[in-house]
């Protein structure tokens, strides 16, 4: 699993790098999981958010907003035990 933090407000280049990285990882390991921790849910009325969400969906990158990190951590803990 790869975890990365990406700001939907200002990190479009970082989002592109993560998408490229995910593509390369999936080429070697199709079962690898890539997760982006974001400051908020992508807003449907924000073009920048929607660009990143689409980019991540194309590369099977899961988006976990900060307000869901505890639930994600618990999910991960259960999977690892």
Protein backbone atom coordinates (compact mmCIF):
# COMPACT_ATOMS: atom_id res chain seq x y z
CA UNK A 1 0.00 0.00 0.00
CA UNK A 2 1.14 3.49 -0.83
CA UNK A 3 -0.16 6.45 1.21
CA UNK A 4 0.33 10.02 0.07
CA UNK A 5 -1.05 13.36 1.18
CA UNK A 6 -2.37 15.64 -1.55
CA UNK A 7 -3.94 19.06 -1.19
CA UNK A 8 -6.90 19.48 -3.50
CA UNK A 9 -6.51 23.24 -3.22
CA UNK A 10 -3.02 23.63 -4.62
CA UNK A 11 -1.21 20.38 -5.43
CA UNK A 12 -2.24 19.58 -9.01
CA UNK A 13 1.39 18.77 -9.99
CA UNK A 14 1.70 16.49 -6.95
CA UNK A 15 -1.58 14.79 -7.91
CA UNK A 16 -0.20 14.16 -11.40
CA UNK A 17 3.00 12.69 -9.95
CA UNK A 18 0.98 10.41 -7.68
CA UNK A 19 -1.17 9.28 -10.63
CA UNK A 20 1.94 8.49 -12.68
CA UNK A 21 3.48 6.67 -9.71
CA UNK A 22 0.30 4.64 -9.22
CA UNK A 23 0.29 3.71 -12.90
CA UNK A 24 3.88 2.43 -12.64
CA UNK A 25 3.14 0.56 -9.39
CA UNK A 26 0.05 -1.09 -10.86
CA UNK A 27 2.04 -2.14 -13.92
CA UNK A 28 4.24 -4.21 -11.60
CA UNK A 29 1.63 -5.20 -9.00
CA UNK A 30 -2.02 -5.00 -10.02
CA UNK A 31 -3.15 -5.66 -6.44
CA UNK A 32 -1.21 -2.76 -4.90
CA UNK A 33 -3.35 -0.12 -3.22
CA UNK A 34 -2.68 3.59 -3.53
CA UNK A 35 -4.43 5.99 -1.15
CA UNK A 36 -4.44 9.79 -1.22
CA UNK A 37 -5.18 11.58 2.05
CA UNK A 38 -6.82 14.92 1.23
CA UNK A 39 -7.89 17.87 3.37
CA UNK A 40 -11.52 17.50 2.26
CA UNK A 41 -13.86 15.51 0.04
CA UNK A 42 -13.60 16.56 -3.60
CA UNK A 43 -16.33 19.14 -4.20
CA UNK A 44 -18.59 18.42 -7.19
CA UNK A 45 -18.72 22.11 -8.10
CA UNK A 46 -14.95 22.70 -7.97
CA UNK A 47 -13.24 22.00 -11.33
CA UNK A 48 -9.82 21.50 -9.71
CA UNK A 49 -11.23 18.95 -7.25
CA UNK A 50 -13.04 17.15 -10.06
CA UNK A 51 -9.88 17.04 -12.19
CA UNK A 52 -7.96 15.39 -9.35
CA UNK A 53 -10.84 13.02 -8.51
CA UNK A 54 -11.06 11.89 -12.15
CA UNK A 55 -7.28 11.52 -12.42
CA UNK A 56 -7.22 9.41 -9.26
CA UNK A 57 -10.20 7.30 -10.32
CA UNK A 58 -8.47 6.50 -13.62
CA UNK A 59 -5.44 5.19 -11.70
CA UNK A 60 -7.50 3.48 -8.97
CA UNK A 61 -6.26 5.84 -6.28
CA UNK A 62 -8.58 5.89 -3.30
CA UNK A 63 -9.29 9.31 -1.78
CA UNK A 64 -9.60 9.48 2.01
CA UNK A 65 -10.41 12.94 3.38
CA UNK A 66 -8.94 13.89 6.75
CA UNK A 67 -12.29 13.62 8.50
CA UNK A 68 -12.38 9.91 7.52
CA UNK A 69 -8.78 9.03 8.45
CA UNK A 70 -9.70 7.43 11.78
CA UNK A 71 -12.18 5.11 10.06
CA UNK A 72 -9.61 4.32 7.38
CA UNK A 73 -7.01 3.56 10.06
CA UNK A 74 -9.43 1.22 11.82
CA UNK A 75 -10.25 -0.51 8.53
CA UNK A 76 -6.55 -0.93 7.87
CA UNK A 77 -5.91 -2.24 11.39
CA UNK A 78 -8.61 -4.89 10.97
CA UNK A 79 -7.22 -5.95 7.59
CA UNK A 80 -3.70 -6.31 8.98
CA UNK A 81 -4.71 -8.40 12.00
